[in-house]
Amino acid sequence: MRRDSLKLLLLIGVVGFAILYGMELSSSGIHRVYGPMEEPQATRSVGQTAQSPAANDEDWTLPPRKTDRGASTSQPQPTIPRNDHKPLIDRVSSATAETLHSISSGGIKLVVSLFDKVTGS
């Protein structure tokens, strides 16, 4: 009985370490991609203001003007960003997230089955 308890305790420790280490890796990865999380509105100090995404004037430019003959002017061609399609990086990241989710749910099922075998339930 003592030997089985020791194995179970060791297994719980390894699984707990793996879960905590995975959480740390995922949070550091999120910070690398998205940057640090913004603090909630209520905790901001009086002097700080939040910038809305619409406040950034660099995202929107005007289309080129046409001359009398229908040709564009010699000014550089400004572009307007298109929001009617999903960018490639979003499609790849969502497919990756779905794959990782299915792998992690399979891993959870494996851990549960191991606990069932160890405890004899």
PDB file of N, CA and C in Angstrom:
ATOM      1  N   MET A   1       0.824  -1.185   0.000  1.00  0.00           N
ATOM      2  CA  MET A   1       0.000   0.000   0.000  1.00  0.00           C
ATOM      3  C   MET A   1       0.873   1.256   0.000  1.00  0.00           C
ATOM      4  N   ARG A   2       1.934   1.260   0.795  1.00  0.00           N
ATOM      5  CA  ARG A   2       2.804   2.421   0.876  1.00  0.00           C
ATOM      6  C   ARG A   2       3.515   2.646  -0.456  1.00  0.00           C
ATOM      7  N   ARG A   3       3.891   1.572  -1.126  1.00  0.00           N
ATOM      8  CA  ARG A   3       4.584   1.692  -2.399  1.00  0.00           C
ATOM      9  C   ARG A   3       3.672   2.310  -3.465  1.00  0.00           C
ATOM     10  N   ASP A   4       2.399   1.912  -3.487  1.00  0.00           N
ATOM     11  CA  ASP A   4       1.450   2.482  -4.442  1.00  0.00           C
ATOM     12  C   ASP A   4       1.185   3.957  -4.139  1.00  0.00           C
ATOM     13  N   SER A   5       1.126   4.299  -2.879  1.00  0.00           N
ATOM     14  CA  SER A   5       0.909   5.700  -2.509  1.00  0.00           C
ATOM     15  C   SER A   5       2.088   6.561  -2.958  1.00  0.00           C
ATOM     16  N   LEU A   6       3.288   6.040  -2.830  1.00  0.00           N
ATOM     17  CA  LEU A   6       4.474   6.772  -3.256  1.00  0.00           C
ATOM     18  C   LEU A   6       4.469   6.984  -4.773  1.00  0.00           C
ATOM     19  N   LYS A   7       4.083   5.947  -5.519  1.00  0.00           N
ATOM     20  CA  LYS A   7       3.998   6.076  -6.977  1.00  0.00           C
ATOM     21  C   LYS A   7       2.936   7.100  -7.374  1.00  0.00           C
ATOM     22  N   LEU A   8       1.805   7.038  -6.702  1.00  0.00           N
ATOM     23  CA  LEU A   8       0.733   7.979  -6.997  1.00  0.00           C
ATOM     24  C   LEU A   8       1.161   9.409  -6.686  1.00  0.00           C
ATOM     25  N   LEU A   9       1.832   9.604  -5.564  1.00  0.00           N
ATOM     26  CA  LEU A   9       2.316  10.931  -5.190  1.00  0.00           C
ATOM     27  C   LEU A   9       3.342  11.439  -6.196  1.00  0.00           C
ATOM     28  N   LEU A  10       4.223  10.554  -6.632  1.00  0.00           N
ATOM     29  CA  LEU A  10       5.220  10.926  -7.628  1.00  0.00           C
ATOM     30  C   LEU A  10       4.545  11.287  -8.954  1.00  0.00           C
ATOM     31  N   LEU A  11       3.546  10.511  -9.356  1.00  0.00           N
ATOM     32  CA  LEU A  11       2.824  10.795 -10.595  1.00  0.00           C
ATOM     33  C   LEU A  11       2.084  12.130 -10.510  1.00  0.00           C
ATOM     34  N   ILE A  12       1.465  12.402  -9.386  1.00  0.00           N
ATOM     35  CA  ILE A  12       0.768  13.679  -9.190  1.00  0.00           C
ATOM     36  C   ILE A  12       1.762  14.836  -9.257  1.00  0.00           C
ATOM     37  N   GLY A  13       2.928  14.674  -8.664  1.00  0.00           N
ATOM     38  CA  GLY A  13       3.950  15.718  -8.709  1.00  0.00           C
ATOM     39  C   GLY A  13       4.437  15.982 -10.119  1.00  0.00           C
ATOM     40  N   VAL A  14       4.673  14.930 -10.897  1.00  0.00           N
ATOM     41  CA  VAL A  14       5.143  15.097 -12.274  1.00  0.00           C
ATOM     42  C   VAL A  14       4.073  15.767 -13.129  1.00  0.00           C
ATOM     43  N   VAL A  15       2.827  15.319 -12.987  1.00  0.00           N
ATOM     44  CA  VAL A  15       1.739  15.920 -13.769  1.00  0.00           C
ATOM     45  C   VAL A  15       1.536  17.380 -13.360  1.00  0.00           C
ATOM     46  N   GLY A  16       1.586  17.671 -12.071  1.00  0.00           N
ATOM     47  CA  GLY A  16       1.440  19.051 -11.607  1.00  0.00           C
ATOM     48  C   GLY A  16       2.548  19.938 -12.136  1.00  0.00           C
ATOM     49  N   PHE A  17       3.777  19.436 -12.116  1.00  0.00           N
ATOM     50  CA  PHE A  17       4.893  20.204 -12.653  1.00  0.00           C
ATOM     51  C   PHE A  17       4.710  20.449 -14.147  1.00  0.00           C
ATOM     52  N   ALA A  18       4.290  19.429 -14.883  1.00  0.00           N
ATOM     53  CA  ALA A  18       4.094  19.568 -16.323  1.00  0.00           C
ATOM     54  C   ALA A  18       3.007  20.602 -16.629  1.00  0.00           C
ATOM     55  N   ILE A  19       1.927  20.590 -15.855  1.00  0.00           N
ATOM     56  CA  ILE A  19       0.843  21.550 -16.080  1.00  0.00           C
ATOM     57  C   ILE A  19       1.314  22.971 -15.794  1.00  0.00           C
ATOM     58  N   LEU A  20       1.987  23.164 -14.671  1.00  0.00           N
ATOM     59  CA  LEU A  20       2.468  24.508 -14.324  1.00  0.00           C
ATOM     60  C   LEU A  20       3.517  25.010 -15.313  1.00  0.00           C
ATOM     61  N   TYR A  21       4.395  24.129 -15.750  1.00  0.00           N
ATOM     62  CA  TYR A  21       5.423  24.506 -16.717  1.00  0.00           C
ATOM     63  C   TYR A  21       4.775  24.857 -18.058  1.00  0.00           C
ATOM     64  N   GLY A  22       3.776  24.091 -18.471  1.00  0.00           N
ATOM     65  CA  GLY A  22       3.064  24.391 -19.710  1.00  0.00           C
ATOM     66  C   GLY A  22       2.339  25.716 -19.645  1.00  0.00           C
ATOM     67  N   MET A  23       1.744  26.018 -18.480  1.00  0.00           N
ATOM     68  CA  MET A  23       1.072  27.308 -18.321  1.00  0.00           C
ATOM     69  C   MET A  23       2.068  28.458 -18.425  1.00  0.00           C
ATOM     70  N   GLU A  24       3.234  28.294 -17.843  1.00  0.00           N
ATOM     71  CA  GLU A  24       4.265  29.328 -17.904  1.00  0.00           C
ATOM     72  C   GLU A  24       4.753  29.523 -19.337  1.00  0.00           C
ATOM     73  N   LEU A  25       4.966  28.420 -20.059  1.00  0.00           N
ATOM     74  CA  LEU A  25       5.393  28.537 -21.452  1.00  0.00           C
ATOM     75  C   LEU A  25       4.340  29.225 -22.308  1.00  0.00           C
ATOM     76  N   SER A  26       3.078  28.870 -22.111  1.00  0.00           N
ATOM     77  CA  SER A  26       2.029  29.478 -22.930  1.00  0.00           C
ATOM     78  C   SER A  26       1.859  30.956 -22.603  1.00  0.00           C
ATOM     79  N   SER A  27       1.957  31.335 -21.326  1.00  0.00           N
ATOM     80  CA  SER A  27       1.807  32.755 -20.995  1.00  0.00           C
ATOM     81  C   SER A  27       2.981  33.568 -21.524  1.00  0.00           C
ATOM     82  N   SER A  28       4.187  33.013 -21.486  1.00  0.00           N
ATOM     83  CA  SER A  28       5.325  33.757 -22.042  1.00  0.00           C
ATOM     84  C   SER A  28       5.204  33.862 -23.557  1.00  0.00           C
ATOM     85  N   GLY A  29       4.654  32.836 -24.204  1.00  0.00           N
ATOM     86  CA  GLY A  29       4.430  32.910 -25.646  1.00  0.00           C
ATOM     87  C   GLY A  29       3.393  33.950 -25.998  1.00  0.00           C
ATOM     88  N   ILE A  30       2.333  34.040 -25.206  1.00  0.00           N
ATOM     89  CA  ILE A  30       1.299  35.045 -25.441  1.00  0.00           C
ATOM     90  C   ILE A  30       1.877  36.444 -25.263  1.00  0.00           C
ATOM     91  N   HIS A  31       2.724  36.623 -24.249  1.00  0.00           N
ATOM     92  CA  HIS A  31       3.348  37.933 -24.027  1.00  0.00           C
ATOM     93  C   HIS A  31       4.270  38.292 -25.185  1.00  0.00           C
ATOM     94  N   ARG A  32       4.968  37.299 -25.765  1.00  0.00           N
ATOM     95  CA  ARG A  32       5.849  37.571 -26.891  1.00  0.00           C
ATOM     96  C   ARG A  32       5.054  37.997 -28.126  1.00  0.00           C
ATOM     97  N   VAL A  33       3.883  37.376 -28.343  1.00  0.00           N
ATOM     98  CA  VAL A  33       3.101  37.687 -29.531  1.00  0.00           C
ATOM     99  C   VAL A  33       2.292  38.958 -29.361  1.00  0.00           C
ATOM    100  N   TYR A  34       1.551  39.073 -28.259  1.00  0.00           N
ATOM    101  CA  TYR A  34       0.628  40.184 -28.077  1.00  0.00           C
ATOM    102  C   TYR A  34       1.165  41.299 -27.187  1.00  0.00           C
ATOM    103  N   GLY A  35       2.272  41.093 -26.527  1.00  0.00           N
ATOM    104  CA  GLY A  35       2.792  42.092 -25.607  1.00  0.00           C
ATOM    105  C   GLY A  35       2.142  41.943 -24.247  1.00  0.00           C
ATOM    106  N   PRO A  36       2.540  42.765 -23.289  1.00  0.00           N
ATOM    107  CA  PRO A  36       1.955  42.639 -21.951  1.00  0.00           C
ATOM    108  C   PRO A  36       0.479  43.009 -21.961  1.00  0.00           C
ATOM    109  N   MET A  37      -0.263  42.398 -21.056  1.00  0.00           N
ATOM    110  CA  MET A  37      -1.695  42.661 -20.975  1.00  0.00           C
ATOM    111  C   MET A  37      -1.924  44.075 -20.461  1.00  0.00           C
ATOM    112  N   GLU A  38      -2.980  44.724 -20.991  1.00  0.00           N
ATOM    113  CA  GLU A  38      -3.326  46.051 -20.502  1.00  0.00           C
ATOM    114  C   GLU A  38      -4.048  45.913 -19.180  1.00  0.00           C
ATOM    115  N   GLU A  39      -3.834  46.895 -18.327  1.00  0.00           N
ATOM    116  CA  GLU A  39      -4.519  46.865 -17.046  1.00  0.00           C
ATOM    117  C   GLU A  39      -5.971  47.286 -17.238  1.00  0.00           C
ATOM    118  N   PRO A  40      -6.887  46.810 -16.408  1.00  0.00           N
ATOM    119  CA  PRO A  40      -8.302  47.157 -16.551  1.00  0.00           C
ATOM    120  C   PRO A  40      -8.544  48.655 -16.389  1.00  0.00           C
ATOM    121  N   GLN A  41      -9.679  49.134 -16.911  1.00  0.00           N
ATOM    122  CA  GLN A  41     -10.024  50.555 -16.863  1.00  0.00           C
ATOM    123  C   GLN A  41     -10.015  51.102 -15.447  1.00  0.00           C
ATOM    124  N   ALA A  42     -10.541  50.345 -14.490  1.00  0.00           N
ATOM    125  CA  ALA A  42     -10.701  50.847 -13.121  1.00  0.00           C
ATOM    126  C   ALA A  42      -9.368  51.103 -12.443  1.00  0.00           C
ATOM    127  N   THR A  43      -8.305  50.389 -12.828  1.00  0.00           N
ATOM    128  CA  THR A  43      -7.031  50.536 -12.134  1.00  0.00           C
ATOM    129  C   THR A  43      -6.107  51.544 -12.788  1.00  0.00           C
ATOM    130  N   ARG A  44      -6.513  52.176 -13.878  1.00  0.00           N
ATOM    131  CA  ARG A  44      -5.673  53.186 -14.501  1.00  0.00           C
ATOM    132  C   ARG A  44      -5.616  54.422 -13.634  1.00  0.00           C
ATOM    133  N   SER A  45      -4.490  55.071 -13.661  1.00  0.00           N
ATOM    134  CA  SER A  45      -4.374  56.307 -12.890  1.00  0.00           C
ATOM    135  C   SER A  45      -5.084  57.434 -13.637  1.00  0.00           C
ATOM    136  N   VAL A  46      -5.222  58.568 -12.999  1.00  0.00           N
ATOM    137  CA  VAL A  46      -6.009  59.669 -13.544  1.00  0.00           C
ATOM    138  C   VAL A  46      -5.395  60.205 -14.830  1.00  0.00           C
ATOM    139  N   GLY A  47      -4.082  60.267 -14.928  1.00  0.00           N
ATOM    140  CA  GLY A  47      -3.429  60.858 -16.091  1.00  0.00           C
ATOM    141  C   GLY A  47      -3.403  59.961 -17.318  1.00  0.00           C
ATOM    142  N   GLN A  48      -3.680  58.676 -17.182  1.00  0.00           N
ATOM    143  CA  GLN A  48      -3.589  57.760 -18.304  1.00  0.00           C
ATOM    144  C   GLN A  48      -4.911  57.693 -19.050  1.00  0.00           C
ATOM    145  N   THR A  49      -4.826  57.623 -20.369  1.00  0.00           N
ATOM    146  CA  THR A  49      -6.020  57.458 -21.181  1.00  0.00           C
ATOM    147  C   THR A  49      -5.807  56.303 -22.133  1.00  0.00           C
ATOM    148  N   ALA A  50      -6.876  55.616 -22.456  1.00  0.00           N
ATOM    149  CA  ALA A  50      -6.791  54.499 -23.391  1.00  0.00           C
ATOM    150  C   ALA A  50      -6.973  55.021 -24.802  1.00  0.00           C
ATOM    151  N   GLN A  51      -6.170  54.511 -25.740  1.00  0.00           N
ATOM    152  CA  GLN A  51      -6.317  54.904 -27.128  1.00  0.00           C
ATOM    153  C   GLN A  51      -7.232  53.906 -27.813  1.00  0.00           C
ATOM    154  N   SER A  52      -8.182  54.430 -28.544  1.00  0.00           N
ATOM    155  CA  SER A  52      -9.061  53.545 -29.292  1.00  0.00           C
ATOM    156  C   SER A  52      -8.385  53.174 -30.601  1.00  0.00           C
ATOM    157  N   PRO A  53      -8.731  52.016 -31.182  1.00  0.00           N
ATOM    158  CA  PRO A  53      -8.113  51.642 -32.453  1.00  0.00           C
ATOM    159  C   PRO A  53      -8.412  52.641 -33.558  1.00  0.00           C
ATOM    160  N   ALA A  54      -9.548  53.341 -33.479  1.00  0.00           N
ATOM    161  CA  ALA A  54      -9.899  54.301 -34.521  1.00  0.00           C
ATOM    162  C   ALA A  54      -9.052  55.574 -34.425  1.00  0.00           C
ATOM    163  N   ALA A  55      -8.367  55.791 -33.302  1.00  0.00           N
ATOM    164  CA  ALA A  55      -7.569  56.998 -33.113  1.00  0.00           C
ATOM    165  C   ALA A  55      -6.286  56.974 -33.927  1.00  0.00           C
ATOM    166  N   ASN A  56      -5.894  55.836 -34.429  1.00  0.00           N
ATOM    167  CA  ASN A  56      -4.665  55.723 -35.198  1.00  0.00           C
ATOM    168  C   ASN A  56      -4.932  56.178 -36.627  1.00  0.00           C
ATOM    169  N   ASP A  57      -4.411  57.366 -37.016  1.00  0.00           N
ATOM    170  CA  ASP A  57      -4.676  57.934 -38.331  1.00  0.00           C
ATOM    171  C   ASP A  57      -3.832  57.303 -39.428  1.00  0.00           C
ATOM    172  N   GLU A  58      -2.822  56.539 -39.091  1.00  0.00           N
ATOM    173  CA  GLU A  58      -1.945  55.962 -40.099  1.00  0.00           C
ATOM    174  C   GLU A  58      -2.597  54.803 -40.843  1.00  0.00           C
ATOM    175  N   ASP A  59      -3.657  54.222 -40.321  1.00  0.00           N
ATOM    176  CA  ASP A  59      -4.275  53.062 -40.942  1.00  0.00           C
ATOM    177  C   ASP A  59      -5.114  53.410 -42.162  1.00  0.00           C
ATOM    178  N   TRP A  60      -5.653  54.603 -42.235  1.00  0.00           N
ATOM    179  CA  TRP A  60      -6.577  54.963 -43.301  1.00  0.00           C
ATOM    180  C   TRP A  60      -5.949  56.018 -44.198  1.00  0.00           C
ATOM    181  N   THR A  61      -5.988  55.765 -45.499  1.00  0.00           N
ATOM    182  CA  THR A  61      -5.520  56.730 -46.477  1.00  0.00           C
ATOM    183  C   THR A  61      -6.578  56.895 -47.550  1.00  0.00           C
ATOM    184  N   LEU A  62      -6.507  57.984 -48.275  1.00  0.00           N
ATOM    185  CA  LEU A  62      -7.482  58.254 -49.320  1.00  0.00           C
ATOM    186  C   LEU A  62      -7.083  57.584 -50.621  1.00  0.00           C
ATOM    187  N   PRO A  63      -8.066  57.203 -51.443  1.00  0.00           N
ATOM    188  CA  PRO A  63      -7.728  56.628 -52.752  1.00  0.00           C
ATOM    189  C   PRO A  63      -7.149  57.711 -53.667  1.00  0.00           C
ATOM    190  N   PRO A  64      -6.423  57.319 -54.706  1.00  0.00           N
ATOM    191  CA  PRO A  64      -5.811  58.312 -55.603  1.00  0.00           C
ATOM    192  C   PRO A  64      -6.876  59.048 -56.406  1.00  0.00           C
ATOM    193  N   ARG A  65      -6.572  60.319 -56.708  1.00  0.00           N
ATOM    194  CA  ARG A  65      -7.490  61.118 -57.514  1.00  0.00           C
ATOM    195  C   ARG A  65      -7.220  60.858 -58.990  1.00  0.00           C
ATOM    196  N   LYS A  66      -8.256  60.922 -59.781  1.00  0.00           N
ATOM    197  CA  LYS A  66      -8.122  60.737 -61.235  1.00  0.00           C
ATOM    198  C   LYS A  66      -7.983  62.109 -61.901  1.00  0.00           C
ATOM    199  N   THR A  67      -7.184  62.169 -62.958  1.00  0.00           N
ATOM    200  CA  THR A  67      -7.064  63.398 -63.731  1.00  0.00           C
ATOM    201  C   THR A  67      -8.152  63.420 -64.794  1.00  0.00           C
ATOM    202  N   ASP A  68      -8.138  64.442 -65.627  1.00  0.00           N
ATOM    203  CA  ASP A  68      -9.168  64.587 -66.664  1.00  0.00           C
ATOM    204  C   ASP A  68      -9.151  63.421 -67.647  1.00  0.00           C
ATOM    205  N   ARG A  69      -7.998  62.866 -67.931  1.00  0.00           N
ATOM    206  CA  ARG A  69      -7.897  61.784 -68.899  1.00  0.00           C
ATOM    207  C   ARG A  69      -8.129  60.412 -68.264  1.00  0.00           C
ATOM    208  N   GLY A  70      -8.412  60.359 -66.988  1.00  0.00           N
ATOM    209  CA  GLY A  70      -8.685  59.079 -66.328  1.00  0.00           C
ATOM    210  C   GLY A  70      -7.457  58.425 -65.729  1.00  0.00           C
ATOM    211  N   ALA A  71      -6.290  58.996 -65.941  1.00  0.00           N
ATOM    212  CA  ALA A  71      -5.069  58.425 -65.372  1.00  0.00           C
ATOM    213  C   ALA A  71      -4.877  58.951 -63.963  1.00  0.00           C
ATOM    214  N   SER A  72      -4.228  58.192 -63.145  1.00  0.00           N
ATOM    215  CA  SER A  72      -3.956  58.624 -61.781  1.00  0.00           C
ATOM    216  C   SER A  72      -2.908  59.717 -61.773  1.00  0.00           C
ATOM    217  N   THR A  73      -2.931  60.519 -60.724  1.00  0.00           N
ATOM    218  CA  THR A  73      -1.910  61.544 -60.563  1.00  0.00           C
ATOM    219  C   THR A  73      -0.576  60.892 -60.256  1.00  0.00           C
ATOM    220  N   SER A  74       0.491  61.678 -60.314  1.00  0.00           N
ATOM    221  CA  SER A  74       1.828  61.128 -60.112  1.00  0.00           C
ATOM    222  C   SER A  74       2.160  60.914 -58.635  1.00  0.00           C
ATOM    223  N   GLN A  75       1.210  61.161 -57.764  1.00  0.00           N
ATOM    224  CA  GLN A  75       1.445  60.948 -56.335  1.00  0.00           C
ATOM    225  C   GLN A  75       1.521  59.453 -56.055  1.00  0.00           C
ATOM    226  N   PRO A  76       2.187  59.080 -54.943  1.00  0.00           N
ATOM    227  CA  PRO A  76       2.241  57.658 -54.598  1.00  0.00           C
ATOM    228  C   PRO A  76       0.829  57.111 -54.389  1.00  0.00           C
ATOM    229  N   GLN A  77       0.657  55.863 -54.702  1.00  0.00           N
ATOM    230  CA  GLN A  77      -0.649  55.222 -54.613  1.00  0.00           C
ATOM    231  C   GLN A  77      -0.933  54.790 -53.175  1.00  0.00           C
ATOM    232  N   PRO A  78      -1.774  55.539 -52.462  1.00  0.00           N
ATOM    233  CA  PRO A  78      -2.125  55.088 -51.097  1.00  0.00           C
ATOM    234  C   PRO A  78      -3.102  53.920 -51.161  1.00  0.00           C
ATOM    235  N   THR A  79      -3.081  53.113 -50.146  1.00  0.00           N
ATOM    236  CA  THR A  79      -3.980  51.953 -50.114  1.00  0.00           C
ATOM    237  C   THR A  79      -4.836  51.997 -48.859  1.00  0.00           C
ATOM    238  N   ILE A  80      -5.997  51.421 -48.973  1.00  0.00           N
ATOM    239  CA  ILE A  80      -6.897  51.285 -47.840  1.00  0.00           C
ATOM    240  C   ILE A  80      -6.866  49.831 -47.422  1.00  0.00           C
ATOM    241  N   PRO A  81      -6.639  49.546 -46.146  1.00  0.00           N
ATOM    242  CA  PRO A  81      -6.574  48.145 -45.737  1.00  0.00           C
ATOM    243  C   PRO A  81      -7.922  47.466 -45.927  1.00  0.00           C
ATOM    244  N   ARG A  82      -7.889  46.245 -46.390  1.00  0.00           N
ATOM    245  CA  ARG A  82      -9.112  45.474 -46.617  1.00  0.00           C
ATOM    246  C   ARG A  82      -9.458  44.684 -45.364  1.00  0.00           C
ATOM    247  N   ASN A  83     -10.700  44.791 -44.969  1.00  0.00           N
ATOM    248  CA  ASN A  83     -11.165  44.055 -43.802  1.00  0.00           C
ATOM    249  C   ASN A  83     -12.192  42.999 -44.184  1.00  0.00           C
ATOM    250  N   ASP A  84     -12.286  42.659 -45.478  1.00  0.00           N
ATOM    251  CA  ASP A  84     -13.288  41.705 -45.915  1.00  0.00           C
ATOM    252  C   ASP A  84     -12.764  40.279 -46.051  1.00  0.00           C
ATOM    253  N   HIS A  85     -11.524  40.035 -45.694  1.00  0.00           N
ATOM    254  CA  HIS A  85     -10.995  38.674 -45.717  1.00  0.00           C
ATOM    255  C   HIS A  85     -10.182  38.422 -44.459  1.00  0.00           C
ATOM    256  N   LYS A  86     -10.033  37.160 -44.138  1.00  0.00           N
ATOM    257  CA  LYS A  86      -9.274  36.776 -42.955  1.00  0.00           C
ATOM    258  C   LYS A  86      -7.813  36.591 -43.366  1.00  0.00           C
ATOM    259  N   PRO A  87      -6.873  37.288 -42.717  1.00  0.00           N
ATOM    260  CA  PRO A  87      -5.462  37.168 -43.090  1.00  0.00           C
ATOM    261  C   PRO A  87      -4.942  35.741 -42.905  1.00  0.00           C
ATOM    262  N   LEU A  88      -3.904  35.435 -43.653  1.00  0.00           N
ATOM    263  CA  LEU A  88      -3.314  34.102 -43.621  1.00  0.00           C
ATOM    264  C   LEU A  88      -2.852  33.733 -42.224  1.00  0.00           C
ATOM    265  N   ILE A  89      -2.246  34.671 -41.509  1.00  0.00           N
ATOM    266  CA  ILE A  89      -1.726  34.365 -40.179  1.00  0.00           C
ATOM    267  C   ILE A  89      -2.853  33.996 -39.224  1.00  0.00           C
ATOM    268  N   ASP A  90      -4.028  34.628 -39.388  1.00  0.00           N
ATOM    269  CA  ASP A  90      -5.165  34.272 -38.547  1.00  0.00           C
ATOM    270  C   ASP A  90      -5.662  32.871 -38.858  1.00  0.00           C
ATOM    271  N   ARG A  91      -5.702  32.527 -40.139  1.00  0.00           N
ATOM    272  CA  ARG A  91      -6.147  31.184 -40.509  1.00  0.00           C
ATOM    273  C   ARG A  91      -5.178  30.120 -39.999  1.00  0.00           C
ATOM    274  N   VAL A  92      -3.873  30.382 -40.119  1.00  0.00           N
ATOM    275  CA  VAL A  92      -2.870  29.414 -39.654  1.00  0.00           C
ATOM    276  C   VAL A  92      -2.921  29.287 -38.136  1.00  0.00           C
ATOM    277  N   SER A  93      -3.031  30.422 -37.441  1.00  0.00           N
ATOM    278  CA  SER A  93      -3.046  30.349 -35.979  1.00  0.00           C
ATOM    279  C   SER A  93      -4.306  29.670 -35.465  1.00  0.00           C
ATOM    280  N   SER A  94      -5.450  29.873 -36.131  1.00  0.00           N
ATOM    281  CA  SER A  94      -6.665  29.207 -35.661  1.00  0.00           C
ATOM    282  C   SER A  94      -6.590  27.708 -35.919  1.00  0.00           C
ATOM    283  N   ALA A  95      -6.004  27.289 -37.049  1.00  0.00           N
ATOM    284  CA  ALA A  95      -5.832  25.855 -37.305  1.00  0.00           C
ATOM    285  C   ALA A  95      -4.866  25.245 -36.297  1.00  0.00           C
ATOM    286  N   THR A  96      -3.816  25.976 -35.963  1.00  0.00           N
ATOM    287  CA  THR A  96      -2.864  25.498 -34.964  1.00  0.00           C
ATOM    288  C   THR A  96      -3.521  25.385 -33.597  1.00  0.00           C
ATOM    289  N   ALA A  97      -4.344  26.366 -33.248  1.00  0.00           N
ATOM    290  CA  ALA A  97      -5.041  26.336 -31.963  1.00  0.00           C
ATOM    291  C   ALA A  97      -5.995  25.153 -31.878  1.00  0.00           C
ATOM    292  N   GLU A  98      -6.709  24.872 -32.969  1.00  0.00           N
ATOM    293  CA  GLU A  98      -7.609  23.717 -32.972  1.00  0.00           C
ATOM    294  C   GLU A  98      -6.827  22.414 -32.810  1.00  0.00           C
ATOM    295  N   THR A  99      -5.683  22.314 -33.470  1.00  0.00           N
ATOM    296  CA  THR A  99      -4.856  21.116 -33.357  1.00  0.00           C
ATOM    297  C   THR A  99      -4.325  20.953 -31.936  1.00  0.00           C
ATOM    298  N   LEU A 100      -3.815  22.035 -31.368  1.00  0.00           N
ATOM    299  CA  LEU A 100      -3.305  21.961 -29.996  1.00  0.00           C
ATOM    300  C   LEU A 100      -4.408  21.635 -29.000  1.00  0.00           C
ATOM    301  N   HIS A 101      -5.607  22.154 -29.249  1.00  0.00           N
ATOM    302  CA  HIS A 101      -6.734  21.857 -28.370  1.00  0.00           C
ATOM    303  C   HIS A 101      -7.081  20.371 -28.416  1.00  0.00           C
ATOM    304  N   SER A 102      -7.097  19.791 -29.609  1.00  0.00           N
ATOM    305  CA  SER A 102      -7.418  18.368 -29.716  1.00  0.00           C
ATOM    306  C   SER A 102      -6.322  17.508 -29.091  1.00  0.00           C
ATOM    307  N   ILE A 103      -5.058  17.925 -29.250  1.00  0.00           N
ATOM    308  CA  ILE A 103      -3.954  17.181 -28.632  1.00  0.00           C
ATOM    309  C   ILE A 103      -4.044  17.266 -27.111  1.00  0.00           C
ATOM    310  N   SER A 104      -4.336  18.469 -26.584  1.00  0.00           N
ATOM    311  CA  SER A 104      -4.404  18.612 -25.128  1.00  0.00           C
ATOM    312  C   SER A 104      -5.584  17.865 -24.544  1.00  0.00           C
ATOM    313  N   SER A 105      -6.725  17.849 -25.246  1.00  0.00           N
ATOM    314  CA  SER A 105      -7.863  17.080 -24.717  1.00  0.00           C
ATOM    315  C   SER A 105      -7.555  15.589 -24.755  1.00  0.00           C
ATOM    316  N   GLY A 106      -6.828  15.137 -25.773  1.00  0.00           N
ATOM    317  CA  GLY A 106      -6.400  13.740 -25.797  1.00  0.00           C
ATOM    318  C   GLY A 106      -5.428  13.431 -24.673  1.00  0.00           C
ATOM    319  N   GLY A 107      -4.547  14.393 -24.359  1.00  0.00           N
ATOM    320  CA  GLY A 107      -3.611  14.216 -23.252  1.00  0.00           C
ATOM    321  C   GLY A 107      -4.327  14.150 -21.916  1.00  0.00           C
ATOM    322  N   ILE A 108      -5.361  14.958 -21.762  1.00  0.00           N
ATOM    323  CA  ILE A 108      -6.139  14.930 -20.517  1.00  0.00           C
ATOM    324  C   ILE A 108      -6.831  13.587 -20.362  1.00  0.00           C
ATOM    325  N   LYS A 109      -7.381  13.067 -21.455  1.00  0.00           N
ATOM    326  CA  LYS A 109      -8.032  11.745 -21.403  1.00  0.00           C
ATOM    327  C   LYS A 109      -7.020  10.666 -21.041  1.00  0.00           C
ATOM    328  N   LEU A 110      -5.789  10.791 -21.550  1.00  0.00           N
ATOM    329  CA  LEU A 110      -4.738   9.824 -21.231  1.00  0.00           C
ATOM    330  C   LEU A 110      -4.389   9.880 -19.747  1.00  0.00           C
ATOM    331  N   VAL A 111      -4.248  11.091 -19.201  1.00  0.00           N
ATOM    332  CA  VAL A 111      -3.918  11.235 -17.782  1.00  0.00           C
ATOM    333  C   VAL A 111      -5.038  10.665 -16.910  1.00  0.00           C
ATOM    334  N   VAL A 112      -6.277  10.915 -17.300  1.00  0.00           N
ATOM    335  CA  VAL A 112      -7.406  10.383 -16.527  1.00  0.00           C
ATOM    336  C   VAL A 112      -7.407   8.862 -16.566  1.00  0.00           C
ATOM    337  N   SER A 113      -7.125   8.288 -17.727  1.00  0.00           N
ATOM    338  CA  SER A 113      -7.096   6.825 -17.803  1.00  0.00           C
ATOM    339  C   SER A 113      -5.937   6.265 -16.979  1.00  0.00           C
ATOM    340  N   LEU A 114      -4.795   6.977 -16.926  1.00  0.00           N
ATOM    341  CA  LEU A 114      -3.681   6.530 -16.082  1.00  0.00           C
ATOM    342  C   LEU A 114      -4.070   6.567 -14.607  1.00  0.00           C
ATOM    343  N   PHE A 115      -4.757   7.629 -14.176  1.00  0.00           N
ATOM    344  CA  PHE A 115      -5.216   7.702 -12.794  1.00  0.00           C
ATOM    345  C   PHE A 115      -6.201   6.581 -12.483  1.00  0.00           C
ATOM    346  N   ASP A 116      -7.059   6.262 -13.448  1.00  0.00           N
ATOM    347  CA  ASP A 116      -8.001   5.169 -13.244  1.00  0.00           C
ATOM    348  C   ASP A 116      -7.267   3.851 -13.057  1.00  0.00           C
ATOM    349  N   LYS A 117      -6.220   3.631 -13.853  1.00  0.00           N
ATOM    350  CA  LYS A 117      -5.447   2.382 -13.735  1.00  0.00           C
ATOM    351  C   LYS A 117      -4.672   2.331 -12.420  1.00  0.00           C
ATOM    352  N   VAL A 118      -4.095   3.470 -12.015  1.00  0.00           N
ATOM    353  CA  VAL A 118      -3.293   3.500 -10.797  1.00  0.00           C
ATOM    354  C   VAL A 118      -4.173   3.301  -9.573  1.00  0.00           C
ATOM    355  N   THR A 119      -5.319   3.973  -9.536  1.00  0.00           N
ATOM    356  CA  THR A 119      -6.181   3.866  -8.367  1.00  0.00           C
ATOM    357  C   THR A 119      -7.051   2.619  -8.393  1.00  0.00           C
ATOM    358  N   GLY A 120      -7.167   1.977  -9.548  1.00  0.00           N
ATOM    359  CA  GLY A 120      -7.928   0.731  -9.622  1.00  0.00           C
ATOM    360  C   GLY A 120      -9.431   0.949  -9.666  1.00  0.00           C
ATOM    361  N   SER A 121      -9.877   2.115 -10.050  1.00  0.00           N
ATOM    362  CA  SER A 121     -11.317   2.390 -10.117  1.00  0.00           C
ATOM    363  C   SER A 121     -11.920   1.798 -11.365  1.00  0.00           C
TER     364      SER A 121
END
